[in-house]
Amino acid sequence: MICLKELNPKNISKSYVKWMNDYEVHKFTEQKNKKHNLKGVTKFIKDIKNSKNEFLYGIFLKNNKEHIGNIKLGPTDFVHKRAYISYFIGNKNYLKKGYASMAVSEIIKIAKKKGLKKLQAGSYEMNYASNKVLEKNKFKLEGILKSQILFNNKRYKSYLYGLVL
């Protein structure tokens, strides 16, 4: 149903930049308070493309090749064979349909091909959808950081999930 493709500047559209500025898309990420524009998003993608330890993939629907979100592997520590993942579904028409879970499943396969042995992901405690995505993909809750997140003027926990590959 989906495929992951390494992103490049050709993938940037007005819709993409709109996603990056949509509070509902990014309210549980560190992007929520940032303003994005075409130039900045292009620079970000070029920087990742030139990185040796970060890999950015678009989440595309197989049937019509529509770009609906992103997933990132990295930063990657090749010495300890571990990496972080982060992801979002930008096109809100595709939220709550299992696409994020599919993307995480695919990034696990890519991580294994790169020889990695451990993946980690962070989540806000109230981001139930993301917590479910990680748990569905066999990630285990490994740590809870109390009062780590400021959200709507209230402090919340941050969860750290891990998956041994």
N, C-alpha and C. Protein backbone atom coordinates (compact mmCIF):
# COMPACT_ATOMS: atom_id res chain seq x y z
N MET A 1 0.81 -1.21 0.00
CA MET A 1 0.00 0.00 0.00
C MET A 1 0.84 1.26 0.00
N ILE A 2 2.01 1.20 0.64
CA ILE A 2 2.92 2.35 0.63
C ILE A 2 4.29 1.89 0.19
N CYS A 3 5.11 2.87 -0.17
CA CYS A 3 6.53 2.61 -0.36
C CYS A 3 7.28 3.83 0.16
N LEU A 4 8.50 3.60 0.59
CA LEU A 4 9.37 4.68 1.04
C LEU A 4 10.36 4.99 -0.07
N LYS A 5 10.54 6.28 -0.35
CA LYS A 5 11.52 6.73 -1.33
C LYS A 5 12.36 7.82 -0.70
N GLU A 6 13.67 7.74 -0.90
CA GLU A 6 14.54 8.78 -0.38
C GLU A 6 14.11 10.12 -0.97
N LEU A 7 13.94 11.12 -0.12
CA LEU A 7 13.47 12.42 -0.59
C LEU A 7 14.60 13.22 -1.22
N ASN A 8 14.24 14.04 -2.18
CA ASN A 8 15.16 14.99 -2.77
C ASN A 8 14.38 16.27 -3.03
N PRO A 9 15.06 17.36 -3.36
CA PRO A 9 14.36 18.64 -3.54
C PRO A 9 13.22 18.60 -4.56
N LYS A 10 13.23 17.69 -5.50
CA LYS A 10 12.14 17.58 -6.48
C LYS A 10 10.81 17.21 -5.81
N ASN A 11 10.88 16.59 -4.65
CA ASN A 11 9.67 16.16 -3.96
C ASN A 11 8.96 17.28 -3.21
N ILE A 12 9.59 18.44 -3.13
CA ILE A 12 9.02 19.54 -2.37
C ILE A 12 7.93 20.21 -3.19
N SER A 13 6.77 20.33 -2.57
CA SER A 13 5.64 20.98 -3.21
C SER A 13 5.06 22.00 -2.24
N LYS A 14 4.12 22.78 -2.73
CA LYS A 14 3.43 23.73 -1.84
C LYS A 14 2.71 22.97 -0.74
N SER A 15 2.16 21.79 -1.09
CA SER A 15 1.48 20.97 -0.08
C SER A 15 2.44 20.55 1.02
N TYR A 16 3.65 20.16 0.62
CA TYR A 16 4.67 19.74 1.59
C TYR A 16 4.95 20.88 2.57
N VAL A 17 5.21 22.07 2.05
CA VAL A 17 5.50 23.22 2.93
C VAL A 17 4.29 23.51 3.81
N LYS A 18 3.10 23.36 3.25
CA LYS A 18 1.88 23.58 4.04
C LYS A 18 1.81 22.59 5.21
N TRP A 19 2.15 21.31 4.96
CA TRP A 19 2.18 20.31 6.05
C TRP A 19 3.09 20.77 7.17
N MET A 20 4.26 21.27 6.77
CA MET A 20 5.28 21.63 7.76
C MET A 20 4.82 22.78 8.65
N ASN A 21 3.86 23.58 8.17
CA ASN A 21 3.34 24.70 8.94
C ASN A 21 1.98 24.41 9.57
N ASP A 22 1.52 23.19 9.46
CA ASP A 22 0.20 22.81 9.98
C ASP A 22 0.35 22.34 11.43
N TYR A 23 -0.20 23.12 12.35
CA TYR A 23 -0.09 22.80 13.76
C TYR A 23 -0.66 21.42 14.08
N GLU A 24 -1.78 21.06 13.47
CA GLU A 24 -2.38 19.75 13.75
C GLU A 24 -1.47 18.60 13.33
N VAL A 25 -0.71 18.78 12.26
CA VAL A 25 0.22 17.74 11.80
C VAL A 25 1.39 17.62 12.76
N HIS A 26 1.86 18.76 13.27
CA HIS A 26 3.11 18.77 14.04
C HIS A 26 2.97 19.11 15.53
N LYS A 27 1.75 19.09 16.05
CA LYS A 27 1.58 19.52 17.44
C LYS A 27 2.34 18.66 18.45
N PHE A 28 2.66 17.40 18.09
CA PHE A 28 3.41 16.53 18.99
C PHE A 28 4.85 16.36 18.54
N THR A 29 5.36 17.32 17.76
CA THR A 29 6.76 17.27 17.30
C THR A 29 7.46 18.56 17.68
N GLU A 30 8.75 18.57 17.49
CA GLU A 30 9.52 19.77 17.78
C GLU A 30 9.44 20.78 16.63
N GLN A 31 8.67 20.48 15.61
CA GLN A 31 8.46 21.39 14.48
C GLN A 31 7.29 22.33 14.71
N LYS A 32 6.51 22.11 15.75
CA LYS A 32 5.23 22.81 15.93
C LYS A 32 5.35 24.33 16.04
N ASN A 33 6.44 24.83 16.55
CA ASN A 33 6.57 26.27 16.74
C ASN A 33 7.47 26.94 15.71
N LYS A 34 7.83 26.21 14.68
CA LYS A 34 8.73 26.74 13.65
C LYS A 34 7.93 27.14 12.43
N LYS A 35 8.41 28.17 11.75
CA LYS A 35 7.82 28.60 10.48
C LYS A 35 8.70 28.08 9.36
N HIS A 36 8.08 27.40 8.42
CA HIS A 36 8.81 26.80 7.31
C HIS A 36 8.43 27.48 6.00
N ASN A 37 9.42 27.55 5.10
CA ASN A 37 9.17 28.06 3.76
C ASN A 37 9.90 27.16 2.76
N LEU A 38 9.67 27.39 1.48
CA LEU A 38 10.23 26.55 0.44
C LEU A 38 11.76 26.50 0.51
N LYS A 39 12.37 27.64 0.73
CA LYS A 39 13.84 27.71 0.79
C LYS A 39 14.38 26.89 1.97
N GLY A 40 13.77 27.03 3.14
CA GLY A 40 14.23 26.31 4.32
C GLY A 40 14.02 24.81 4.21
N VAL A 41 12.88 24.40 3.67
CA VAL A 41 12.60 22.97 3.51
C VAL A 41 13.56 22.36 2.49
N THR A 42 13.83 23.09 1.41
CA THR A 42 14.78 22.63 0.40
C THR A 42 16.16 22.44 1.02
N LYS A 43 16.60 23.42 1.81
CA LYS A 43 17.91 23.33 2.46
C LYS A 43 17.95 22.11 3.40
N PHE A 44 16.90 21.90 4.17
CA PHE A 44 16.84 20.76 5.09
C PHE A 44 17.01 19.44 4.32
N ILE A 45 16.28 19.29 3.25
CA ILE A 45 16.35 18.05 2.47
C ILE A 45 17.73 17.87 1.86
N LYS A 46 18.33 18.95 1.36
CA LYS A 46 19.68 18.87 0.79
C LYS A 46 20.69 18.50 1.88
N ASP A 47 20.56 19.10 3.05
CA ASP A 47 21.47 18.78 4.16
C ASP A 47 21.37 17.31 4.55
N ILE A 48 20.16 16.80 4.64
CA ILE A 48 19.98 15.37 4.98
C ILE A 48 20.57 14.50 3.88
N LYS A 49 20.31 14.88 2.63
CA LYS A 49 20.81 14.10 1.48
C LYS A 49 22.34 14.02 1.52
N ASN A 50 22.99 15.07 1.99
CA ASN A 50 24.46 15.11 2.08
C ASN A 50 25.01 14.51 3.37
N SER A 51 24.13 14.16 4.28
CA SER A 51 24.55 13.59 5.56
C SER A 51 24.93 12.12 5.38
N LYS A 52 25.85 11.68 6.20
CA LYS A 52 26.24 10.28 6.18
C LYS A 52 25.51 9.46 7.25
N ASN A 53 24.79 10.17 8.14
CA ASN A 53 24.13 9.44 9.23
C ASN A 53 22.65 9.75 9.40
N GLU A 54 22.06 10.47 8.44
CA GLU A 54 20.62 10.72 8.48
C GLU A 54 20.04 10.42 7.10
N PHE A 55 18.86 9.80 7.09
CA PHE A 55 18.24 9.35 5.85
C PHE A 55 16.76 9.70 5.90
N LEU A 56 16.32 10.52 4.97
CA LEU A 56 14.95 11.01 4.95
C LEU A 56 14.19 10.38 3.79
N TYR A 57 13.06 9.77 4.12
CA TYR A 57 12.23 9.09 3.12
C TYR A 57 10.85 9.71 3.09
N GLY A 58 10.31 9.80 1.89
CA GLY A 58 8.92 10.17 1.74
C GLY A 58 8.07 8.92 1.86
N ILE A 59 6.90 9.06 2.41
CA ILE A 59 5.93 7.97 2.46
C ILE A 59 4.99 8.20 1.28
N PHE A 60 5.01 7.27 0.33
CA PHE A 60 4.23 7.41 -0.89
C PHE A 60 3.21 6.27 -0.99
N LEU A 61 2.02 6.60 -1.46
CA LEU A 61 1.04 5.56 -1.77
C LEU A 61 1.49 4.86 -3.04
N LYS A 62 1.45 3.55 -3.03
CA LYS A 62 1.89 2.78 -4.21
C LYS A 62 0.97 2.98 -5.40
N ASN A 63 -0.34 3.03 -5.17
CA ASN A 63 -1.27 3.06 -6.29
C ASN A 63 -1.20 4.35 -7.11
N ASN A 64 -1.10 5.50 -6.45
CA ASN A 64 -1.07 6.75 -7.23
C ASN A 64 0.19 7.58 -6.99
N LYS A 65 1.14 7.02 -6.27
CA LYS A 65 2.43 7.66 -6.01
C LYS A 65 2.31 9.01 -5.28
N GLU A 66 1.20 9.18 -4.54
CA GLU A 66 1.01 10.42 -3.80
C GLU A 66 1.90 10.43 -2.56
N HIS A 67 2.58 11.56 -2.34
CA HIS A 67 3.44 11.77 -1.18
C HIS A 67 2.54 12.19 -0.01
N ILE A 68 2.49 11.36 1.05
CA ILE A 68 1.56 11.64 2.15
C ILE A 68 2.25 11.94 3.48
N GLY A 69 3.55 11.76 3.55
CA GLY A 69 4.26 12.01 4.81
C GLY A 69 5.73 11.69 4.68
N ASN A 70 6.43 11.74 5.80
CA ASN A 70 7.87 11.48 5.83
C ASN A 70 8.23 10.57 7.00
N ILE A 71 9.37 9.91 6.84
CA ILE A 71 9.96 9.16 7.95
C ILE A 71 11.47 9.31 7.85
N LYS A 72 12.10 9.54 8.98
CA LYS A 72 13.55 9.76 9.00
C LYS A 72 14.23 8.69 9.84
N LEU A 73 15.32 8.21 9.33
CA LEU A 73 16.20 7.30 10.06
C LEU A 73 17.44 8.11 10.39
N GLY A 74 17.67 8.36 11.67
CA GLY A 74 18.83 9.13 12.06
C GLY A 74 18.45 10.19 13.08
N PRO A 75 19.48 10.69 13.75
CA PRO A 75 20.89 10.37 13.53
C PRO A 75 21.18 8.90 13.81
N THR A 76 22.12 8.40 13.04
CA THR A 76 22.54 7.01 13.11
C THR A 76 23.93 6.94 13.71
N ASP A 77 24.13 6.04 14.64
CA ASP A 77 25.43 5.77 15.23
C ASP A 77 25.88 4.41 14.69
N PHE A 78 26.76 4.45 13.69
CA PHE A 78 27.19 3.21 13.05
C PHE A 78 28.18 2.41 13.91
N VAL A 79 28.81 3.06 14.88
CA VAL A 79 29.70 2.34 15.80
C VAL A 79 28.87 1.40 16.67
N HIS A 80 27.82 1.94 17.26
CA HIS A 80 26.97 1.14 18.15
C HIS A 80 25.78 0.52 17.41
N LYS A 81 25.70 0.81 16.11
CA LYS A 81 24.66 0.23 15.23
C LYS A 81 23.25 0.52 15.73
N ARG A 82 22.99 1.82 15.98
CA ARG A 82 21.68 2.25 16.45
C ARG A 82 21.28 3.56 15.76
N ALA A 83 19.98 3.81 15.75
CA ALA A 83 19.48 5.05 15.14
C ALA A 83 18.14 5.42 15.74
N TYR A 84 17.80 6.68 15.61
CA TYR A 84 16.48 7.18 15.98
C TYR A 84 15.60 7.19 14.74
N ILE A 85 14.32 7.09 14.96
CA ILE A 85 13.38 7.30 13.86
C ILE A 85 12.38 8.37 14.28
N SER A 86 11.88 9.09 13.29
CA SER A 86 10.79 10.04 13.50
C SER A 86 9.95 10.05 12.23
N TYR A 87 8.70 10.37 12.37
CA TYR A 87 7.80 10.26 11.23
C TYR A 87 6.57 11.14 11.44
N PHE A 88 5.89 11.43 10.33
CA PHE A 88 4.60 12.10 10.39
C PHE A 88 3.84 11.83 9.10
N ILE A 89 2.54 11.84 9.21
CA ILE A 89 1.66 11.82 8.04
C ILE A 89 1.22 13.27 7.85
N GLY A 90 1.61 13.86 6.74
CA GLY A 90 1.32 15.27 6.49
C GLY A 90 -0.04 15.51 5.88
N ASN A 91 -0.44 14.62 5.00
CA ASN A 91 -1.75 14.75 4.37
C ASN A 91 -2.80 14.19 5.32
N LYS A 92 -3.59 15.06 5.91
CA LYS A 92 -4.53 14.65 6.96
C LYS A 92 -5.63 13.71 6.46
N ASN A 93 -5.81 13.62 5.15
CA ASN A 93 -6.78 12.65 4.61
C ASN A 93 -6.35 11.21 4.88
N TYR A 94 -5.07 11.02 5.23
CA TYR A 94 -4.53 9.67 5.41
C TYR A 94 -4.18 9.35 6.86
N LEU A 95 -4.62 10.20 7.78
CA LEU A 95 -4.40 9.92 9.21
C LEU A 95 -5.32 8.78 9.65
N LYS A 96 -4.86 8.04 10.63
CA LYS A 96 -5.64 6.97 11.27
C LYS A 96 -6.07 5.89 10.29
N LYS A 97 -5.24 5.62 9.29
CA LYS A 97 -5.53 4.58 8.31
C LYS A 97 -4.43 3.52 8.27
N GLY A 98 -3.47 3.60 9.22
CA GLY A 98 -2.42 2.60 9.30
C GLY A 98 -1.16 2.90 8.50
N TYR A 99 -1.11 4.04 7.83
CA TYR A 99 0.05 4.34 6.99
C TYR A 99 1.32 4.60 7.80
N ALA A 100 1.20 5.22 8.95
CA ALA A 100 2.38 5.44 9.80
C ALA A 100 2.94 4.10 10.27
N SER A 101 2.08 3.18 10.66
CA SER A 101 2.52 1.85 11.09
C SER A 101 3.25 1.13 9.95
N MET A 102 2.69 1.24 8.75
CA MET A 102 3.34 0.62 7.58
C MET A 102 4.71 1.24 7.33
N ALA A 103 4.80 2.56 7.47
CA ALA A 103 6.07 3.25 7.23
C ALA A 103 7.12 2.82 8.25
N VAL A 104 6.73 2.69 9.51
CA VAL A 104 7.67 2.23 10.54
C VAL A 104 8.11 0.81 10.23
N SER A 105 7.21 -0.03 9.81
CA SER A 105 7.56 -1.40 9.43
C SER A 105 8.60 -1.40 8.29
N GLU A 106 8.41 -0.52 7.33
CA GLU A 106 9.36 -0.43 6.20
C GLU A 106 10.71 0.13 6.63
N ILE A 107 10.70 1.11 7.54
CA ILE A 107 11.99 1.70 7.98
C ILE A 107 12.77 0.68 8.80
N ILE A 108 12.07 -0.23 9.48
CA ILE A 108 12.75 -1.30 10.22
C ILE A 108 13.53 -2.18 9.23
N LYS A 109 12.93 -2.50 8.10
CA LYS A 109 13.60 -3.30 7.07
C LYS A 109 14.83 -2.57 6.53
N ILE A 110 14.70 -1.27 6.30
CA ILE A 110 15.83 -0.48 5.80
C ILE A 110 16.95 -0.46 6.84
N ALA A 111 16.58 -0.29 8.11
CA ALA A 111 17.58 -0.25 9.19
C ALA A 111 18.34 -1.57 9.25
N LYS A 112 17.64 -2.68 9.11
CA LYS A 112 18.30 -3.99 9.11
C LYS A 112 19.28 -4.11 7.95
N LYS A 113 18.89 -3.63 6.77
CA LYS A 113 19.77 -3.68 5.60
C LYS A 113 21.04 -2.85 5.82
N LYS A 114 20.93 -1.80 6.63
CA LYS A 114 22.09 -0.95 6.94
C LYS A 114 22.93 -1.55 8.06
N GLY A 115 22.52 -2.71 8.58
CA GLY A 115 23.29 -3.39 9.62
C GLY A 115 23.02 -2.89 11.03
N LEU A 116 21.95 -2.13 11.20
CA LEU A 116 21.65 -1.61 12.53
C LEU A 116 21.05 -2.69 13.41
N LYS A 117 21.25 -2.55 14.71
CA LYS A 117 20.78 -3.53 15.69
C LYS A 117 19.77 -2.96 16.68
N LYS A 118 19.57 -1.63 16.66
CA LYS A 118 18.67 -1.01 17.64
C LYS A 118 18.08 0.26 17.03
N LEU A 119 16.78 0.43 17.23
CA LEU A 119 16.09 1.66 16.85
C LEU A 119 15.45 2.27 18.08
N GLN A 120 15.37 3.60 18.09
CA GLN A 120 14.74 4.32 19.19
C GLN A 120 13.80 5.37 18.61
N ALA A 121 12.78 5.70 19.36
CA ALA A 121 11.85 6.76 18.97
C ALA A 121 11.32 7.42 20.23
N GLY A 122 11.14 8.71 20.16
CA GLY A 122 10.56 9.45 21.27
C GLY A 122 9.12 9.81 20.97
N SER A 123 8.34 10.02 22.03
CA SER A 123 6.93 10.36 21.87
C SER A 123 6.45 11.14 23.08
N TYR A 124 5.56 12.09 22.84
CA TYR A 124 4.89 12.77 23.95
C TYR A 124 3.91 11.78 24.57
N GLU A 125 3.73 11.85 25.87
CA GLU A 125 2.85 10.89 26.54
C GLU A 125 1.42 10.92 25.99
N MET A 126 0.94 12.09 25.56
CA MET A 126 -0.44 12.19 25.09
C MET A 126 -0.59 11.95 23.59
N ASN A 127 0.51 11.57 22.93
CA ASN A 127 0.45 11.24 21.51
C ASN A 127 0.09 9.76 21.37
N TYR A 128 -1.15 9.45 21.67
CA TYR A 128 -1.61 8.07 21.72
C TYR A 128 -1.44 7.36 20.38
N ALA A 129 -1.68 8.08 19.29
CA ALA A 129 -1.58 7.46 17.97
C ALA A 129 -0.14 7.00 17.70
N SER A 130 0.83 7.85 18.00
CA SER A 130 2.22 7.47 17.77
C SER A 130 2.66 6.35 18.69
N ASN A 131 2.22 6.40 19.93
CA ASN A 131 2.55 5.32 20.87
C ASN A 131 2.02 3.99 20.34
N LYS A 132 0.80 4.00 19.80
CA LYS A 132 0.22 2.78 19.24
C LYS A 132 1.00 2.30 18.02
N VAL A 133 1.44 3.23 17.17
CA VAL A 133 2.23 2.88 15.98
C VAL A 133 3.50 2.14 16.41
N LEU A 134 4.18 2.67 17.40
CA LEU A 134 5.43 2.05 17.86
C LEU A 134 5.16 0.69 18.49
N GLU A 135 4.16 0.62 19.35
CA GLU A 135 3.85 -0.66 20.02
C GLU A 135 3.40 -1.72 19.01
N LYS A 136 2.66 -1.32 17.99
CA LYS A 136 2.23 -2.25 16.94
C LYS A 136 3.44 -2.84 16.21
N ASN A 137 4.53 -2.06 16.13
CA ASN A 137 5.75 -2.50 15.47
C ASN A 137 6.75 -3.09 16.45
N LYS A 138 6.27 -3.50 17.64
CA LYS A 138 7.05 -4.24 18.64
C LYS A 138 8.09 -3.39 19.38
N PHE A 139 8.00 -2.06 19.28
CA PHE A 139 8.86 -1.21 20.10
C PHE A 139 8.39 -1.34 21.55
N LYS A 140 9.33 -1.29 22.47
CA LYS A 140 9.03 -1.39 23.90
C LYS A 140 9.31 -0.04 24.56
N LEU A 141 8.48 0.31 25.52
CA LEU A 141 8.70 1.52 26.30
C LEU A 141 9.92 1.27 27.18
N GLU A 142 10.98 2.02 26.96
CA GLU A 142 12.23 1.82 27.71
C GLU A 142 12.50 2.91 28.74
N GLY A 143 11.85 4.03 28.57
CA GLY A 143 12.10 5.10 29.53
C GLY A 143 11.00 6.14 29.53
N ILE A 144 10.81 6.75 30.68
CA ILE A 144 9.85 7.83 30.84
C ILE A 144 10.60 9.00 31.46
N LEU A 145 10.59 10.12 30.78
CA LEU A 145 11.22 11.33 31.28
C LEU A 145 10.11 12.24 31.81
N LYS A 146 10.09 12.41 33.10
CA LYS A 146 9.02 13.17 33.75
C LYS A 146 9.18 14.67 33.48
N SER A 147 8.05 15.34 33.29
CA SER A 147 8.00 16.79 33.12
C SER A 147 8.96 17.27 32.03
N GLN A 148 9.10 16.52 30.98
CA GLN A 148 10.07 16.79 29.91
C GLN A 148 9.53 17.72 28.83
N ILE A 149 8.21 17.70 28.63
CA ILE A 149 7.59 18.41 27.51
C ILE A 149 6.68 19.52 28.03
N LEU A 150 6.80 20.69 27.43
CA LEU A 150 5.87 21.79 27.70
C LEU A 150 4.89 21.84 26.54
N PHE A 151 3.61 21.59 26.83
CA PHE A 151 2.59 21.56 25.80
C PHE A 151 1.35 22.27 26.33
N ASN A 152 0.91 23.31 25.63
CA ASN A 152 -0.25 24.10 26.06
C ASN A 152 -0.10 24.57 27.52
N ASN A 153 1.10 25.05 27.83
CA ASN A 153 1.42 25.61 29.16
C ASN A 153 1.32 24.60 30.30
N LYS A 154 1.43 23.33 29.98
CA LYS A 154 1.42 22.29 30.99
C LYS A 154 2.58 21.34 30.71
N ARG A 155 3.15 20.74 31.74
CA ARG A 155 4.29 19.84 31.59
C ARG A 155 3.79 18.40 31.47
N TYR A 156 4.44 17.65 30.56
CA TYR A 156 4.08 16.25 30.31
C TYR A 156 5.32 15.38 30.26
N LYS A 157 5.08 14.10 30.32
CA LYS A 157 6.16 13.12 30.20
C LYS A 157 6.54 12.94 28.74
N SER A 158 7.77 12.53 28.54
CA SER A 158 8.25 12.10 27.23
C SER A 158 8.57 10.62 27.34
N TYR A 159 8.15 9.85 26.35
CA TYR A 159 8.41 8.42 26.34
C TYR A 159 9.54 8.11 25.37
N LEU A 160 10.38 7.18 25.76
CA LEU A 160 11.45 6.69 24.90
C LEU A 160 11.18 5.23 24.61
N TYR A 161 10.98 4.93 23.34
CA TYR A 161 10.73 3.56 22.89
C TYR A 161 11.97 3.00 22.22
N GLY A 162 12.16 1.69 22.31
CA GLY A 162 13.28 1.03 21.67
C GLY A 162 12.87 -0.28 21.05
N LEU A 163 13.61 -0.66 20.02
CA LEU A 163 13.39 -1.95 19.35
C LEU A 163 14.74 -2.55 19.04
N VAL A 164 14.99 -3.74 19.58
CA VAL A 164 16.21 -4.48 19.25
C VAL A 164 15.90 -5.26 17.98
N LEU A 165 16.74 -5.07 16.98
CA LEU A 165 16.51 -5.72 15.67
C LEU A 165 17.16 -7.09 15.61
